[in-house]
Amino acid sequence: MVSRNAILASGLVAFATAGLLFPLVLSKSQSKPIIDSSKPLSPGAIMRGPYINAGSRDVGPDPAPRKLN
C-alpha cells in the first residue's frame, strides 16, 4: 500500500512539472509571432508606449565613468 505522503509528493511533482512545461508547450504551439513587425502599431500600442517604462528614470551620462581593470 502506498502512503498518503508518497501520493501527495508525486502529485506535487506532477503539478510543478506541468507548471514549468506550460510556457514551453505554449510557445511551441504558436506558429506566428505575437507582434507582426511589418504592420504599423495600433493606436492603443502607440499610446501605451511611453508609459511602459515609466518607473525607470534616466539620470544622464556618468560624470566620471569607471575604468575596467
PDB file of N, CA and C in Angstrom:
ATOM      1  N   MET A   1       0.841  -1.181   0.000  1.00  0.00           N
ATOM      2  CA  MET A   1       0.000   0.000   0.000  1.00  0.00           C
ATOM      3  C   MET A   1       0.893   1.255   0.000  1.00  0.00           C
ATOM      4  N   VAL A   2       0.498   2.202  -0.803  1.00  0.00           N
ATOM      5  CA  VAL A   2       1.266   3.438  -0.927  1.00  0.00           C
ATOM      6  C   VAL A   2       0.774   4.426   0.125  1.00  0.00           C
ATOM      7  N   SER A   3       1.704   5.075   0.788  1.00  0.00           N
ATOM      8  CA  SER A   3       1.327   6.018   1.839  1.00  0.00           C
ATOM      9  C   SER A   3       0.772   7.309   1.237  1.00  0.00           C
ATOM     10  N   ARG A   4       0.063   8.034   2.056  1.00  0.00           N
ATOM     11  CA  ARG A   4      -0.515   9.312   1.592  1.00  0.00           C
ATOM     12  C   ARG A   4       0.572  10.318   1.267  1.00  0.00           C
ATOM     13  N   ASN A   5       1.665  10.270   1.986  1.00  0.00           N
ATOM     14  CA  ASN A   5       2.764  11.205   1.714  1.00  0.00           C
ATOM     15  C   ASN A   5       3.352  10.964   0.328  1.00  0.00           C
ATOM     16  N   ALA A   6       3.475   9.708  -0.086  1.00  0.00           N
ATOM     17  CA  ALA A   6       4.008   9.404  -1.413  1.00  0.00           C
ATOM     18  C   ALA A   6       3.051   9.872  -2.497  1.00  0.00           C
ATOM     19  N   ILE A   7       1.752   9.711  -2.275  1.00  0.00           N
ATOM     20  CA  ILE A   7       0.759  10.178  -3.246  1.00  0.00           C
ATOM     21  C   ILE A   7       0.796  11.699  -3.343  1.00  0.00           C
ATOM     22  N   LEU A   8       0.872  12.361  -2.209  1.00  0.00           N
ATOM     23  CA  LEU A   8       0.939  13.821  -2.192  1.00  0.00           C
ATOM     24  C   LEU A   8       2.212  14.319  -2.864  1.00  0.00           C
ATOM     25  N   ALA A   9       3.328  13.696  -2.575  1.00  0.00           N
ATOM     26  CA  ALA A   9       4.600  14.113  -3.174  1.00  0.00           C
ATOM     27  C   ALA A   9       4.584  13.922  -4.681  1.00  0.00           C
ATOM     28  N   SER A  10       4.062  12.800  -5.147  1.00  0.00           N
ATOM     29  CA  SER A  10       4.017  12.575  -6.600  1.00  0.00           C
ATOM     30  C   SER A  10       3.049  13.541  -7.266  1.00  0.00           C
ATOM     31  N   GLY A  11       1.960  13.877  -6.596  1.00  0.00           N
ATOM     32  CA  GLY A  11       1.031  14.864  -7.147  1.00  0.00           C
ATOM     33  C   GLY A  11       1.654  16.245  -7.232  1.00  0.00           C
ATOM     34  N   LEU A  12       2.410  16.621  -6.215  1.00  0.00           N
ATOM     35  CA  LEU A  12       3.082  17.922  -6.227  1.00  0.00           C
ATOM     36  C   LEU A  12       4.157  17.990  -7.307  1.00  0.00           C
ATOM     37  N   VAL A  13       4.884  16.895  -7.486  1.00  0.00           N
ATOM     38  CA  VAL A  13       5.906  16.857  -8.540  1.00  0.00           C
ATOM     39  C   VAL A  13       5.244  16.949  -9.911  1.00  0.00           C
ATOM     40  N   ALA A  14       4.129  16.247 -10.114  1.00  0.00           N
ATOM     41  CA  ALA A  14       3.423  16.312 -11.394  1.00  0.00           C
ATOM     42  C   ALA A  14       2.881  17.717 -11.644  1.00  0.00           C
ATOM     43  N   PHE A  15       2.345  18.354 -10.613  1.00  0.00           N
ATOM     44  CA  PHE A  15       1.814  19.716 -10.757  1.00  0.00           C
ATOM     45  C   PHE A  15       2.925  20.708 -11.086  1.00  0.00           C
ATOM     46  N   ALA A  16       4.065  20.600 -10.413  1.00  0.00           N
ATOM     47  CA  ALA A  16       5.190  21.502 -10.672  1.00  0.00           C
ATOM     48  C   ALA A  16       5.750  21.281 -12.075  1.00  0.00           C
ATOM     49  N   THR A  17       5.829  20.033 -12.492  1.00  0.00           N
ATOM     50  CA  THR A  17       6.329  19.736 -13.840  1.00  0.00           C
ATOM     51  C   THR A  17       5.400  20.317 -14.895  1.00  0.00           C
ATOM     52  N   ALA A  18       4.095  20.155 -14.708  1.00  0.00           N
ATOM     53  CA  ALA A  18       3.140  20.718 -15.657  1.00  0.00           C
ATOM     54  C   ALA A  18       3.238  22.236 -15.696  1.00  0.00           C
ATOM     55  N   GLY A  19       3.408  22.851 -14.539  1.00  0.00           N
ATOM     56  CA  GLY A  19       3.529  24.303 -14.490  1.00  0.00           C
ATOM     57  C   GLY A  19       4.784  24.822 -15.152  1.00  0.00           C
ATOM     58  N   LEU A  20       5.877  24.076 -15.023  1.00  0.00           N
ATOM     59  CA  LEU A  20       7.132  24.504 -15.645  1.00  0.00           C
ATOM     60  C   LEU A  20       7.142  24.247 -17.149  1.00  0.00           C
ATOM     61  N   LEU A  21       6.444  23.225 -17.604  1.00  0.00           N
ATOM     62  CA  LEU A  21       6.426  22.903 -19.033  1.00  0.00           C
ATOM     63  C   LEU A  21       5.369  23.692 -19.793  1.00  0.00           C
ATOM     64  N   PHE A  22       4.398  24.294 -19.107  1.00  0.00           N
ATOM     65  CA  PHE A  22       3.317  25.011 -19.782  1.00  0.00           C
ATOM     66  C   PHE A  22       3.823  26.132 -20.701  1.00  0.00           C
ATOM     67  N   PRO A  23       4.736  27.019 -20.276  1.00  0.00           N
ATOM     68  CA  PRO A  23       5.216  28.060 -21.190  1.00  0.00           C
ATOM     69  C   PRO A  23       5.932  27.484 -22.415  1.00  0.00           C
ATOM     70  N   LEU A  24       6.657  26.396 -22.237  1.00  0.00           N
ATOM     71  CA  LEU A  24       7.348  25.775 -23.364  1.00  0.00           C
ATOM     72  C   LEU A  24       6.357  25.225 -24.372  1.00  0.00           C
ATOM     73  N   VAL A  25       5.350  24.530 -23.898  1.00  0.00           N
ATOM     74  CA  VAL A  25       4.328  23.979 -24.787  1.00  0.00           C
ATOM     75  C   VAL A  25       3.560  25.100 -25.463  1.00  0.00           C
ATOM     76  N   LEU A  26       3.250  26.149 -24.739  1.00  0.00           N
ATOM     77  CA  LEU A  26       2.515  27.272 -25.302  1.00  0.00           C
ATOM     78  C   LEU A  26       3.334  27.979 -26.378  1.00  0.00           C
ATOM     79  N   SER A  27       4.627  28.145 -26.162  1.00  0.00           N
ATOM     80  CA  SER A  27       5.455  28.820 -27.158  1.00  0.00           C
ATOM     81  C   SER A  27       5.650  27.969 -28.405  1.00  0.00           C
ATOM     82  N   LYS A  28       5.681  26.661 -28.262  1.00  0.00           N
ATOM     83  CA  LYS A  28       5.848  25.784 -29.417  1.00  0.00           C
ATOM     84  C   LYS A  28       4.572  25.692 -30.239  1.00  0.00           C
ATOM     85  N   SER A  29       3.405  25.932 -29.623  1.00  0.00           N
ATOM     86  CA  SER A  29       2.143  25.786 -30.339  1.00  0.00           C
ATOM     87  C   SER A  29       1.837  26.996 -31.216  1.00  0.00           C
ATOM     88  N   GLN A  30       2.456  28.137 -30.946  1.00  0.00           N
ATOM     89  CA  GLN A  30       2.202  29.330 -31.749  1.00  0.00           C
ATOM     90  C   GLN A  30       3.109  29.324 -32.967  1.00  0.00           C
ATOM     91  N   SER A  31       2.499  29.331 -34.153  1.00  0.00           N
ATOM     92  CA  SER A  31       3.296  29.270 -35.374  1.00  0.00           C
ATOM     93  C   SER A  31       3.736  30.649 -35.845  1.00  0.00           C
ATOM     94  N   LYS A  32       2.967  31.683 -35.549  1.00  0.00           N
ATOM     95  CA  LYS A  32       3.346  33.030 -35.982  1.00  0.00           C
ATOM     96  C   LYS A  32       3.746  33.868 -34.778  1.00  0.00           C
ATOM     97  N   PRO A  33       4.579  34.873 -34.981  1.00  0.00           N
ATOM     98  CA  PRO A  33       4.976  35.724 -33.858  1.00  0.00           C
ATOM     99  C   PRO A  33       3.783  36.528 -33.335  1.00  0.00           C
ATOM    100  N   ILE A  34       3.865  36.917 -32.084  1.00  0.00           N
ATOM    101  CA  ILE A  34       2.772  37.667 -31.469  1.00  0.00           C
ATOM    102  C   ILE A  34       2.647  39.051 -32.092  1.00  0.00           C
ATOM    103  N   ILE A  35       3.770  39.707 -32.340  1.00  0.00           N
ATOM    104  CA  ILE A  35       3.760  41.044 -32.929  1.00  0.00           C
ATOM    105  C   ILE A  35       4.316  40.958 -34.345  1.00  0.00           C
ATOM    106  N   ASP A  36       3.535  41.441 -35.303  1.00  0.00           N
ATOM    107  CA  ASP A  36       3.968  41.448 -36.700  1.00  0.00           C
ATOM    108  C   ASP A  36       4.669  42.776 -36.971  1.00  0.00           C
ATOM    109  N   SER A  37       5.969  42.734 -37.181  1.00  0.00           N
ATOM    110  CA  SER A  37       6.734  43.974 -37.353  1.00  0.00           C
ATOM    111  C   SER A  37       6.521  44.610 -38.715  1.00  0.00           C
ATOM    112  N   SER A  38       5.876  43.916 -39.657  1.00  0.00           N
ATOM    113  CA  SER A  38       5.646  44.507 -40.975  1.00  0.00           C
ATOM    114  C   SER A  38       4.436  45.438 -40.971  1.00  0.00           C
ATOM    115  N   LYS A  39       3.579  45.331 -39.956  1.00  0.00           N
ATOM    116  CA  LYS A  39       2.398  46.178 -39.872  1.00  0.00           C
ATOM    117  C   LYS A  39       2.654  47.329 -38.902  1.00  0.00           C
ATOM    118  N   PRO A  40       1.978  48.467 -39.120  1.00  0.00           N
ATOM    119  CA  PRO A  40       2.151  49.579 -38.173  1.00  0.00           C
ATOM    120  C   PRO A  40       1.499  49.260 -36.836  1.00  0.00           C
ATOM    121  N   LEU A  41       1.957  49.959 -35.797  1.00  0.00           N
ATOM    122  CA  LEU A  41       1.399  49.762 -34.463  1.00  0.00           C
ATOM    123  C   LEU A  41      -0.021  50.293 -34.390  1.00  0.00           C
ATOM    124  N   SER A  42      -0.825  49.669 -33.554  1.00  0.00           N
ATOM    125  CA  SER A  42      -2.196  50.141 -33.349  1.00  0.00           C
ATOM    126  C   SER A  42      -2.158  51.424 -32.518  1.00  0.00           C
ATOM    127  N   PRO A  43      -3.237  52.221 -32.573  1.00  0.00           N
ATOM    128  CA  PRO A  43      -3.254  53.444 -31.760  1.00  0.00           C
ATOM    129  C   PRO A  43      -3.101  53.163 -30.262  1.00  0.00           C
ATOM    130  N   GLY A  44      -3.666  52.054 -29.794  1.00  0.00           N
ATOM    131  CA  GLY A  44      -3.526  51.712 -28.377  1.00  0.00           C
ATOM    132  C   GLY A  44      -2.092  51.407 -28.003  1.00  0.00           C
ATOM    133  N   ALA A  45      -1.370  50.714 -28.887  1.00  0.00           N
ATOM    134  CA  ALA A  45       0.030  50.397 -28.619  1.00  0.00           C
ATOM    135  C   ALA A  45       0.896  51.648 -28.665  1.00  0.00           C
ATOM    136  N   ILE A  46       0.561  52.571 -29.551  1.00  0.00           N
ATOM    137  CA  ILE A  46       1.318  53.826 -29.622  1.00  0.00           C
ATOM    138  C   ILE A  46       1.093  54.638 -28.355  1.00  0.00           C
ATOM    139  N   MET A  47      -0.148  54.672 -27.868  1.00  0.00           N
ATOM    140  CA  MET A  47      -0.458  55.456 -26.673  1.00  0.00           C
ATOM    141  C   MET A  47       0.184  54.835 -25.434  1.00  0.00           C
ATOM    142  N   ARG A  48       0.265  53.497 -25.354  1.00  0.00           N
ATOM    143  CA  ARG A  48       0.855  52.845 -24.188  1.00  0.00           C
ATOM    144  C   ARG A  48       2.370  52.942 -24.172  1.00  0.00           C
ATOM    145  N   GLY A  49       2.997  53.143 -25.306  1.00  0.00           N
ATOM    146  CA  GLY A  49       4.443  53.090 -25.428  1.00  0.00           C
ATOM    147  C   GLY A  49       5.229  53.862 -24.398  1.00  0.00           C
ATOM    148  N   PRO A  50       4.991  55.174 -24.219  1.00  0.00           N
ATOM    149  CA  PRO A  50       5.801  55.939 -23.276  1.00  0.00           C
ATOM    150  C   PRO A  50       5.600  55.533 -21.822  1.00  0.00           C
ATOM    151  N   TYR A  51       4.500  54.873 -21.516  1.00  0.00           N
ATOM    152  CA  TYR A  51       4.179  54.591 -20.120  1.00  0.00           C
ATOM    153  C   TYR A  51       4.650  53.217 -19.672  1.00  0.00           C
ATOM    154  N   ILE A  52       5.155  52.396 -20.572  1.00  0.00           N
ATOM    155  CA  ILE A  52       5.587  51.052 -20.191  1.00  0.00           C
ATOM    156  C   ILE A  52       6.768  51.130 -19.229  1.00  0.00           C
ATOM    157  N   ASN A  53       7.726  52.003 -19.486  1.00  0.00           N
ATOM    158  CA  ASN A  53       8.901  52.135 -18.631  1.00  0.00           C
ATOM    159  C   ASN A  53       8.837  53.409 -17.796  1.00  0.00           C
ATOM    160  N   ALA A  54       7.660  53.756 -17.334  1.00  0.00           N
ATOM    161  CA  ALA A  54       7.504  55.000 -16.595  1.00  0.00           C
ATOM    162  C   ALA A  54       8.243  54.975 -15.255  1.00  0.00           C
ATOM    163  N   GLY A  55       8.565  53.800 -14.734  1.00  0.00           N
ATOM    164  CA  GLY A  55       9.227  53.724 -13.443  1.00  0.00           C
ATOM    165  C   GLY A  55      10.717  53.950 -13.504  1.00  0.00           C
ATOM    166  N   SER A  56      11.321  53.812 -14.668  1.00  0.00           N
ATOM    167  CA  SER A  56      12.765  53.996 -14.764  1.00  0.00           C
ATOM    168  C   SER A  56      13.075  55.415 -15.216  1.00  0.00           C
ATOM    169  N   ARG A  57      14.049  55.998 -14.602  1.00  0.00           N
ATOM    170  CA  ARG A  57      14.426  57.378 -14.936  1.00  0.00           C
ATOM    171  C   ARG A  57      15.867  57.400 -15.428  1.00  0.00           C
ATOM    172  N   ASP A  58      16.104  58.139 -16.479  1.00  0.00           N
ATOM    173  CA  ASP A  58      17.449  58.292 -16.991  1.00  0.00           C
ATOM    174  C   ASP A  58      18.056  59.529 -16.343  1.00  0.00           C
ATOM    175  N   VAL A  59      19.164  59.355 -15.669  1.00  0.00           N
ATOM    176  CA  VAL A  59      19.783  60.477 -14.974  1.00  0.00           C
ATOM    177  C   VAL A  59      20.895  61.098 -15.809  1.00  0.00           C
ATOM    178  N   GLY A  60      21.074  60.634 -17.026  1.00  0.00           N
ATOM    179  CA  GLY A  60      22.084  61.205 -17.887  1.00  0.00           C
ATOM    180  C   GLY A  60      23.374  60.411 -17.861  1.00  0.00           C
ATOM    181  N   PRO A  61      24.392  60.912 -18.545  1.00  0.00           N
ATOM    182  CA  PRO A  61      25.663  60.191 -18.606  1.00  0.00           C
ATOM    183  C   PRO A  61      26.398  60.238 -17.271  1.00  0.00           C
ATOM    184  N   ASP A  62      27.264  59.263 -17.057  1.00  0.00           N
ATOM    185  CA  ASP A  62      28.077  59.240 -15.848  1.00  0.00           C
ATOM    186  C   ASP A  62      29.075  60.393 -15.877  1.00  0.00           C
ATOM    187  N   PRO A  63      29.214  61.118 -14.768  1.00  0.00           N
ATOM    188  CA  PRO A  63      30.173  62.219 -14.749  1.00  0.00           C
ATOM    189  C   PRO A  63      31.619  61.731 -14.833  1.00  0.00           C
ATOM    190  N   ALA A  64      31.917  60.592 -14.224  1.00  0.00           N
ATOM    191  CA  ALA A  64      33.265  60.032 -14.278  1.00  0.00           C
ATOM    192  C   ALA A  64      33.128  58.508 -14.466  1.00  0.00           C
ATOM    193  N   PRO A  65      33.164  58.064 -15.722  1.00  0.00           N
ATOM    194  CA  PRO A  65      32.998  56.626 -15.938  1.00  0.00           C
ATOM    195  C   PRO A  65      34.137  55.826 -15.309  1.00  0.00           C
ATOM    196  N   ARG A  66      33.806  54.672 -14.751  1.00  0.00           N
ATOM    197  CA  ARG A  66      34.813  53.809 -14.138  1.00  0.00           C
ATOM    198  C   ARG A  66      35.583  53.055 -15.202  1.00  0.00           C
ATOM    199  N   LYS A  67      36.833  52.843 -14.961  1.00  0.00           N
ATOM    200  CA  LYS A  67      37.676  52.073 -15.883  1.00  0.00           C
ATOM    201  C   LYS A  67      37.686  50.617 -15.449  1.00  0.00           C
ATOM    202  N   LEU A  68      37.577  49.740 -16.417  1.00  0.00           N
ATOM    203  CA  LEU A  68      37.647  48.298 -16.124  1.00  0.00           C
ATOM    204  C   LEU A  68      39.088  47.873 -16.030  1.00  0.00           C
ATOM    205  N   ASN A  69      39.402  47.036 -15.050  1.00  0.00           N
ATOM    206  CA  ASN A  69      40.775  46.554 -14.897  1.00  0.00           C
ATOM    207  C   ASN A  69      41.010  45.363 -15.766  1.00  0.00           C
TER     208      ASN A  69
END
